């Protein structure tokens, strides 16, 4: 039981670290100058979709391992 609690705390810490890095990345996605024609809003949407898919995968993978 202690191992599970330790793993849970470790996961929470890593999840916070990942979220902080994600937030920093999203904030950095902005044009440097007026000539920058990158679709930053589109990039942010793709990044968000990828993050949500990864979180779904992570949670489902964890649940599957708990049932073994």
Protein backbone atom coordinates (compact mmCIF):
# COMPACT_ATOMS: atom_id res chain seq x y z
CA UNK A 1 0.00 0.00 0.00
CA UNK A 2 2.88 2.38 0.77
CA UNK A 3 4.39 1.67 -2.64
CA UNK A 4 1.14 2.67 -4.34
CA UNK A 5 0.95 5.90 -2.33
CA UNK A 6 4.55 6.72 -3.19
CA UNK A 7 3.92 6.01 -6.88
CA UNK A 8 0.82 8.20 -6.76
CA UNK A 9 2.80 11.11 -5.29
CA UNK A 10 5.54 10.63 -7.87
CA UNK A 11 2.96 10.63 -10.69
CA UNK A 12 1.36 13.80 -9.33
CA UNK A 13 4.75 15.55 -9.16
CA UNK A 14 5.64 14.49 -12.70
CA UNK A 15 2.19 15.50 -13.93
CA UNK A 16 2.69 18.98 -12.44
CA UNK A 17 6.15 19.20 -14.02
CA UNK A 18 4.71 18.22 -17.40
CA UNK A 19 1.87 20.72 -17.06
CA UNK A 20 4.30 23.51 -16.18
CA UNK A 21 6.42 22.72 -19.24
CA UNK A 22 3.29 22.59 -21.43
CA UNK A 23 2.09 25.98 -20.15
CA UNK A 24 5.52 27.50 -20.79
CA UNK A 25 5.53 26.10 -24.34
CA UNK A 26 2.03 27.39 -25.11
CA UNK A 27 2.95 30.86 -23.88
CA UNK A 28 6.02 30.86 -26.11
CA UNK A 29 3.96 30.16 -29.24
CA UNK A 30 3.59 33.70 -30.52
CA UNK A 31 5.01 35.57 -33.50
CA UNK A 32 8.38 37.25 -33.02
CA UNK A 33 7.61 39.92 -35.59
CA UNK A 34 4.96 41.02 -38.07
CA UNK A 35 6.51 39.01 -40.89
CA UNK A 36 6.02 35.73 -39.02
CA UNK A 37 3.14 33.99 -40.81
CA UNK A 38 3.10 30.85 -38.66
CA UNK A 39 -0.41 29.72 -37.68
CA UNK A 40 0.25 29.71 -33.93
CA UNK A 41 -3.41 29.21 -33.06
CA UNK A 42 -3.47 26.12 -35.27
CA UNK A 43 -0.27 24.84 -33.67
CA UNK A 44 -1.75 25.38 -30.20
CA UNK A 45 -4.89 23.45 -31.19
CA UNK A 46 -2.81 20.54 -32.50
CA UNK A 47 -0.67 20.56 -29.38
CA UNK A 48 -3.74 20.56 -27.16
CA UNK A 49 -5.27 17.65 -29.08
CA UNK A 50 -2.01 15.70 -28.78
CA UNK A 51 -1.79 16.38 -25.04
CA UNK A 52 -5.38 15.25 -24.49
CA UNK A 53 -4.78 12.08 -26.49
CA UNK A 54 -1.62 11.34 -24.51
CA UNK A 55 -3.40 11.86 -21.17
CA UNK A 56 -6.20 9.52 -22.27
CA UNK A 57 -3.62 6.92 -23.30
CA UNK A 58 -1.69 7.31 -20.03
CA UNK A 59 -4.80 6.95 -17.89
CA UNK A 60 -6.12 3.95 -19.83
CA UNK A 61 -2.71 2.25 -19.78
CA UNK A 62 -2.51 2.71 -16.02
CA UNK A 63 -6.04 1.34 -15.50
CA UNK A 64 -5.24 -1.68 -17.65
CA UNK A 65 -2.11 -2.45 -15.64
CA UNK A 66 -4.07 -2.22 -12.38
CA UNK A 67 -6.46 -4.92 -13.57
CA UNK A 68 -3.71 -7.47 -14.28
